[in-house]
Amino acid sequence: MSHKRSAFAEVGLPFIIFTAIWGSTWIVIRDQLGIVPPQWSVAYRFIIAGTAMALVAKWKGEDLRLGRGAIVPIAFLGFAQFCINFNAVYLAERHITSGVVATIFALLLIPSTLMGWAFLDHRPSNRFVWSSLVAIAGIALLFVHEFQQHSARAGEITIGIGLTLFGMVAASAANVFQARDEIRRFPLFSMLAWSMAAGAIMDAAIAFAMSGPPVFDNRPGYWVGVLYLALPASVLTFSLYYPVVRKIGPAKAAYSSVLVPIIAMGFSTVLEGYRWTPIAVAGAVLALGGMVGALTRGKNVLAPPDAA
């Protein structure tokens, strides 16, 4: 019983918390799109998040001086996770609804597993492969639905889908990279603090290059959203998520991507007027059902390297 309690405290409870929070972030990001260019919104988010994460690292007793060996990992995680991933998602939501972006992101499990196989020698099961194909078919139906409902915006929809897929691959690369043994030796919270800071610098540079000097929104709701995305949705969630990644691997940790769109699509239906058609319903069922099928197996989804 104590072992089960320990497993729930270390994996189960953090999983529930970061999944629930991330399910709500998509609609909050939507509200950020307006006066402030998306690139600056991302920069503000991670300036705050990086500062707060440094305070968490100090509170945890971690040394923020990581040495020269941490420069490359910090730069890579900052670039892939906190720059490319988030900029792509924010930009994508200018073209397609937040719920659709979240549902496409449910495929995070697939590149995370393939990269885990390539770089961590975590071999996927045959069941995972076939279930993933079902999920991909579901996502394809959601694409068809979007094009049918908004045929005049086909170009925008294509851009939104492409940006989401690009961000998803960047997030997968970051997840797998930080699970490598040579990266795990660095204290987690200090590594996250510096990675978020590096990402914020890159975000600000991109924002200045693409949109000019900083732009601010005087709406209190905008800054409440920034704080929510920076603190609960970045500092808290990544503090919980990456320890889970390090404990059970990047592919299994990406299971959250299956549950997040259910929450996100609910928000999108109520607040964005997302219209459900038979094709959209079938697509969502296949996408989520395929991912669930990839996860439900008598043994682990990822077989150890020496397993049959």
Protein backbone atom coordinates (compact mmCIF):
# COMPACT_ATOMS: atom_id res chain seq x y z
CA MET A 1 0.00 0.00 0.00
CA SER A 2 2.82 2.41 0.86
CA HIS A 3 4.39 1.74 -2.55
CA LYS A 4 1.10 2.63 -4.25
CA ARG A 5 0.81 5.79 -2.18
CA SER A 6 4.37 6.74 -3.10
CA ALA A 7 3.73 6.12 -6.81
CA PHE A 8 0.57 8.24 -6.68
CA ALA A 9 2.36 11.08 -4.86
CA GLU A 10 5.33 11.04 -7.26
CA VAL A 11 3.49 10.44 -10.55
CA GLY A 12 -0.29 10.22 -10.25
CA LEU A 13 -1.06 13.45 -8.37
CA PRO A 14 1.40 15.63 -10.35
CA PHE A 15 -0.04 14.13 -13.55
CA ILE A 16 -3.58 15.12 -12.54
CA ILE A 17 -2.52 18.66 -11.61
CA PHE A 18 -0.50 19.57 -14.70
CA THR A 19 -3.04 17.93 -17.02
CA ALA A 20 -5.92 19.91 -15.51
CA ILE A 21 -4.01 23.20 -15.69
CA TRP A 22 -2.74 22.67 -19.23
CA GLY A 23 -6.27 21.83 -20.34
CA SER A 24 -7.32 25.38 -19.43
CA THR A 25 -4.35 27.27 -20.87
CA TRP A 26 -5.41 27.08 -24.51
CA ILE A 27 -8.43 29.32 -24.01
CA VAL A 28 -6.40 31.73 -21.85
CA ILE A 29 -3.82 32.02 -24.64
CA ARG A 30 -6.67 32.87 -26.99
CA ASP A 31 -7.50 35.91 -24.86
CA GLN A 32 -3.88 37.06 -25.10
CA LEU A 33 -4.20 37.57 -28.85
CA GLY A 34 -5.10 41.16 -29.56
CA ILE A 35 -3.20 44.36 -28.92
CA VAL A 36 0.04 42.63 -27.91
CA PRO A 37 1.84 40.64 -30.62
CA PRO A 38 1.98 36.93 -29.69
CA GLN A 39 5.78 36.97 -29.55
CA TRP A 40 5.77 39.64 -26.84
CA SER A 41 3.11 37.78 -24.87
CA VAL A 42 5.33 34.70 -24.86
CA ALA A 43 8.33 36.82 -23.82
CA TYR A 44 6.41 38.40 -20.90
CA ARG A 45 5.24 34.97 -19.80
CA PHE A 46 8.73 33.51 -19.55
CA ILE A 47 10.39 36.59 -18.11
CA ILE A 48 8.01 36.18 -15.17
CA ALA A 49 8.21 32.37 -15.17
CA GLY A 50 12.02 32.30 -15.33
CA THR A 51 12.29 34.71 -12.40
CA ALA A 52 9.78 32.72 -10.34
CA MET A 53 11.48 29.42 -11.18
CA ALA A 54 14.83 30.81 -9.98
CA LEU A 55 13.16 31.61 -6.65
CA VAL A 56 11.79 28.06 -6.53
CA ALA A 57 15.27 26.67 -7.21
CA LYS A 58 16.73 28.72 -4.35
CA TRP A 59 13.88 27.65 -2.07
CA LYS A 60 14.65 24.03 -2.97
CA GLY A 61 18.29 24.62 -2.03
CA GLU A 62 19.61 24.22 -5.58
CA ASP A 63 22.68 26.07 -6.78
CA LEU A 64 21.96 28.32 -9.75
CA ARG A 65 25.61 28.12 -10.81
CA LEU A 66 25.47 25.15 -13.18
CA GLY A 67 28.84 25.58 -14.92
CA ARG A 68 29.82 25.81 -18.56
CA GLY A 69 28.63 22.28 -19.27
CA ALA A 70 25.04 23.46 -18.82
CA ILE A 71 25.19 26.19 -21.48
CA VAL A 72 24.24 23.97 -24.43
CA PRO A 73 21.42 22.12 -22.61
CA ILE A 74 20.03 25.42 -21.32
CA ALA A 75 20.14 26.96 -24.80
CA PHE A 76 18.52 23.92 -26.41
CA LEU A 77 15.69 23.62 -23.89
CA GLY A 78 15.12 27.36 -23.97
CA PHE A 79 14.99 27.35 -27.76
CA ALA A 80 12.91 24.20 -28.32
CA GLN A 81 10.51 24.28 -25.38
CA PHE A 82 10.17 27.91 -24.31
CA CYS A 83 10.71 29.65 -27.63
CA ILE A 84 9.75 27.57 -30.70
CA ASN A 85 7.02 25.52 -29.02
CA PHE A 86 5.16 28.40 -27.39
CA ASN A 87 5.58 30.89 -30.21
CA ALA A 88 4.18 28.32 -32.63
CA VAL A 89 1.17 27.61 -30.40
CA TYR A 90 0.36 31.29 -29.80
CA LEU A 91 0.61 32.03 -33.53
CA ALA A 92 -1.45 28.95 -34.42
CA GLU A 93 -4.35 30.17 -32.29
CA ARG A 94 -4.63 33.21 -34.54
CA HIS A 95 -5.69 30.86 -37.34
CA ILE A 96 -7.60 27.94 -35.74
CA THR A 97 -9.59 27.47 -32.53
CA SER A 98 -7.81 26.66 -29.29
CA GLY A 99 -9.59 23.32 -29.00
CA VAL A 100 -8.34 22.17 -32.39
CA VAL A 101 -4.78 23.24 -31.50
CA ALA A 102 -5.02 21.21 -28.27
CA THR A 103 -6.41 18.17 -30.10
CA ILE A 104 -3.60 18.23 -32.66
CA PHE A 105 -1.19 18.47 -29.74
CA ALA A 106 -2.61 15.15 -28.52
CA LEU A 107 -0.27 13.62 -31.10
CA LEU A 108 2.66 14.73 -28.89
CA LEU A 109 2.85 11.13 -27.75
CA ILE A 110 3.91 9.98 -31.22
CA PRO A 111 7.05 12.09 -31.84
CA SER A 112 7.94 11.74 -28.14
CA THR A 113 7.87 7.97 -28.50
CA LEU A 114 9.76 7.91 -31.79
CA MET A 115 12.45 10.24 -30.46
CA GLY A 116 12.59 8.23 -27.24
CA TRP A 117 13.20 5.13 -29.35
CA ALA A 118 15.90 6.87 -31.38
CA PHE A 119 17.76 8.60 -28.56
CA LEU A 120 16.85 6.71 -25.37
CA ASP A 121 16.43 3.20 -26.80
CA HIS A 122 12.82 2.98 -25.59
CA ARG A 123 11.22 0.74 -28.21
CA PRO A 124 7.45 1.23 -28.87
CA SER A 125 5.07 -1.73 -28.99
CA ASN A 126 3.22 -2.88 -32.12
CA ARG A 127 -0.04 -1.91 -30.44
CA PHE A 128 1.26 1.61 -30.05
CA VAL A 129 2.07 1.85 -33.76
CA TRP A 130 -1.39 0.71 -34.92
CA SER A 131 -3.21 2.83 -32.35
CA SER A 132 -1.20 5.86 -33.41
CA LEU A 133 -2.34 5.37 -37.00
CA VAL A 134 -5.95 5.43 -35.76
CA ALA A 135 -5.25 8.67 -33.91
CA ILE A 136 -3.67 10.22 -36.99
CA ALA A 137 -6.78 9.28 -39.00
CA GLY A 138 -8.87 11.10 -36.38
CA ILE A 139 -6.76 14.23 -36.61
CA ALA A 140 -7.11 14.07 -40.41
CA LEU A 141 -10.91 14.09 -40.01
CA LEU A 142 -10.65 17.16 -37.77
CA PHE A 143 -8.65 18.82 -40.52
CA VAL A 144 -11.39 17.94 -43.02
CA HIS A 145 -14.00 19.41 -40.67
CA GLU A 146 -12.07 22.67 -40.38
CA PHE A 147 -11.71 22.99 -44.15
CA GLN A 148 -15.40 22.23 -44.71
CA GLN A 149 -16.60 24.73 -42.10
CA HIS A 150 -14.21 27.48 -43.15
CA SER A 151 -13.41 26.84 -46.81
CA ALA A 152 -12.72 30.53 -47.40
CA ARG A 153 -9.99 30.36 -44.74
CA ALA A 154 -8.22 27.28 -46.09
CA GLY A 155 -4.88 29.08 -46.20
CA GLU A 156 -5.17 30.25 -42.59
CA ILE A 157 -6.23 26.79 -41.40
CA THR A 158 -3.25 25.22 -43.15
CA ILE A 159 -0.91 27.71 -41.48
CA GLY A 160 -2.49 27.05 -38.07
CA ILE A 161 -2.16 23.29 -38.43
CA GLY A 162 1.43 23.58 -39.65
CA LEU A 163 2.42 25.86 -36.76
CA THR A 164 0.84 23.49 -34.24
CA LEU A 165 2.69 20.48 -35.64
CA PHE A 166 5.94 22.45 -35.64
CA GLY A 167 5.49 23.43 -32.00
CA MET A 168 4.57 19.86 -31.07
CA VAL A 169 7.77 18.45 -32.57
CA ALA A 170 9.85 21.09 -30.77
CA ALA A 171 8.18 20.18 -27.46
CA SER A 172 8.86 16.49 -28.07
CA ALA A 173 12.51 17.18 -28.80
CA ALA A 174 12.84 19.13 -25.54
CA ASN A 175 11.11 16.39 -23.52
CA VAL A 176 13.38 13.67 -24.86
CA PHE A 177 16.52 15.79 -24.61
CA GLN A 178 16.08 16.61 -20.93
CA ALA A 179 15.44 12.92 -20.13
CA ARG A 180 18.95 11.96 -21.28
CA ASP A 181 21.33 10.86 -18.52
CA GLU A 182 23.85 13.63 -19.17
CA ILE A 183 21.09 16.24 -18.71
CA ARG A 184 19.49 14.59 -15.68
CA ARG A 185 22.66 15.23 -13.67
CA PHE A 186 21.85 18.93 -13.50
CA PRO A 187 19.50 20.11 -10.72
CA LEU A 188 16.06 20.28 -12.28
CA PHE A 189 14.70 23.59 -11.01
CA SER A 190 17.92 25.50 -11.71
CA MET A 191 17.99 24.02 -15.20
CA LEU A 192 14.37 25.04 -15.75
CA ALA A 193 15.00 28.56 -14.44
CA TRP A 194 17.92 29.16 -16.79
CA SER A 195 16.11 27.49 -19.72
CA MET A 196 13.08 29.72 -19.22
CA ALA A 197 15.35 32.76 -18.96
CA ALA A 198 17.15 31.76 -22.16
CA GLY A 199 13.80 31.19 -23.84
CA ALA A 200 12.58 34.61 -22.69
CA ILE A 201 15.64 36.29 -24.21
CA MET A 202 15.08 34.46 -27.50
CA ASP A 203 11.36 35.27 -27.40
CA ALA A 204 12.10 38.97 -26.86
CA ALA A 205 14.65 39.00 -29.69
CA ILE A 206 12.16 37.37 -32.07
CA ALA A 207 9.40 39.73 -30.90
CA PHE A 208 11.57 42.80 -31.48
CA ALA A 209 12.63 41.55 -34.92
CA MET A 210 9.08 40.67 -36.03
CA SER A 211 6.95 43.25 -34.21
CA GLY A 212 9.20 46.08 -33.07
CA PRO A 213 9.45 47.51 -29.52
CA PRO A 214 7.42 46.03 -26.63
CA VAL A 215 3.67 46.52 -26.75
CA PHE A 216 1.51 46.51 -23.62
CA ASP A 217 -2.18 45.86 -23.03
CA ASN A 218 -3.79 47.93 -20.27
CA ARG A 219 -6.58 45.41 -19.67
CA PRO A 220 -6.30 43.84 -16.19
CA GLY A 221 -7.60 40.61 -17.73
CA TYR A 222 -4.59 40.44 -20.04
CA TRP A 223 -2.09 40.61 -17.18
CA VAL A 224 -4.10 38.20 -15.03
CA GLY A 225 -3.83 35.83 -17.99
CA VAL A 226 -0.08 36.41 -18.28
CA LEU A 227 0.39 35.67 -14.58
CA TYR A 228 -1.77 32.54 -14.81
CA LEU A 229 0.22 31.28 -17.80
CA ALA A 230 3.56 32.18 -16.19
CA LEU A 231 3.00 30.86 -12.67
CA PRO A 232 0.49 27.98 -12.41
CA ALA A 233 0.73 27.03 -16.11
CA SER A 234 4.54 27.25 -16.41
CA VAL A 235 6.34 27.29 -13.07
CA LEU A 236 4.02 24.85 -11.29
CA THR A 237 3.28 22.56 -14.23
CA PHE A 238 6.86 22.21 -15.49
CA SER A 239 8.04 21.71 -11.89
CA LEU A 240 5.68 18.74 -11.76
CA TYR A 241 5.96 17.57 -15.37
CA TYR A 242 9.71 17.21 -15.80
CA PRO A 243 10.18 15.11 -12.64
CA VAL A 244 7.50 12.79 -14.05
CA VAL A 245 9.35 12.72 -17.40
CA ARG A 246 12.57 11.82 -15.61
CA LYS A 247 10.81 9.09 -13.63
CA ILE A 248 8.67 7.34 -16.26
CA GLY A 249 10.12 8.60 -19.57
CA PRO A 250 9.02 11.23 -22.12
CA ALA A 251 6.53 9.04 -23.99
CA LYS A 252 4.53 7.98 -20.94
CA ALA A 253 4.60 11.51 -19.55
CA ALA A 254 3.12 12.67 -22.87
CA TYR A 255 -0.02 10.66 -21.99
CA SER A 256 -1.31 13.97 -20.62
CA SER A 257 -1.65 15.16 -24.22
CA VAL A 258 -4.55 12.71 -24.57
CA LEU A 259 -6.54 14.20 -21.68
CA VAL A 260 -5.75 17.89 -22.22
CA PRO A 261 -7.79 18.26 -25.45
CA ILE A 262 -10.93 16.93 -23.77
CA ILE A 263 -10.78 19.85 -21.35
CA ALA A 264 -9.71 22.29 -24.07
CA MET A 265 -12.47 21.26 -26.48
CA GLY A 266 -15.02 21.85 -23.72
CA PHE A 267 -13.78 25.41 -23.26
CA SER A 268 -13.67 25.93 -27.03
CA THR A 269 -17.25 24.73 -27.47
CA VAL A 270 -18.61 27.05 -24.77
CA LEU A 271 -16.44 30.13 -25.31
CA GLU A 272 -15.43 30.01 -28.99
CA GLY A 273 -18.58 28.52 -30.48
CA TYR A 274 -16.83 25.47 -31.90
CA ARG A 275 -19.39 23.64 -34.08
CA TRP A 276 -19.53 19.86 -33.79
CA THR A 277 -20.43 17.92 -36.93
CA PRO A 278 -20.47 14.13 -37.43
CA ILE A 279 -17.00 14.38 -39.03
CA ALA A 280 -15.65 16.41 -36.08
CA VAL A 281 -17.12 13.97 -33.56
CA ALA A 282 -15.69 11.00 -35.46
CA GLY A 283 -12.31 12.72 -35.69
CA ALA A 284 -12.18 13.51 -31.97
CA VAL A 285 -13.26 9.96 -31.04
CA LEU A 286 -10.64 8.39 -33.31
CA ALA A 287 -7.89 10.77 -32.20
CA LEU A 288 -8.49 10.26 -28.50
CA GLY A 289 -9.47 6.61 -28.84
CA GLY A 290 -6.31 5.85 -30.79
CA MET A 291 -4.16 7.47 -28.13
CA VAL A 292 -6.00 5.62 -25.35
CA GLY A 293 -5.51 2.40 -27.29
CA ALA A 294 -1.80 3.12 -27.46
CA LEU A 295 -1.70 3.41 -23.70
CA THR A 296 -3.91 0.50 -22.59
CA ARG A 297 -1.88 -2.63 -22.59
CA GLY A 298 -1.09 -5.34 -20.10
CA LYS A 299 2.53 -4.23 -20.09
CA ASN A 300 4.13 -0.84 -20.58
CA VAL A 301 3.61 0.92 -23.89
CA LEU A 302 7.35 1.16 -24.24
CA ALA A 303 9.07 -2.17 -24.08
CA PRO A 304 12.57 -2.19 -22.59
CA PRO A 305 15.40 -2.50 -25.12
CA ASP A 306 15.93 -6.20 -24.46
CA ALA A 307 12.21 -7.18 -24.49
CA ALA A 308 10.71 -9.33 -27.22
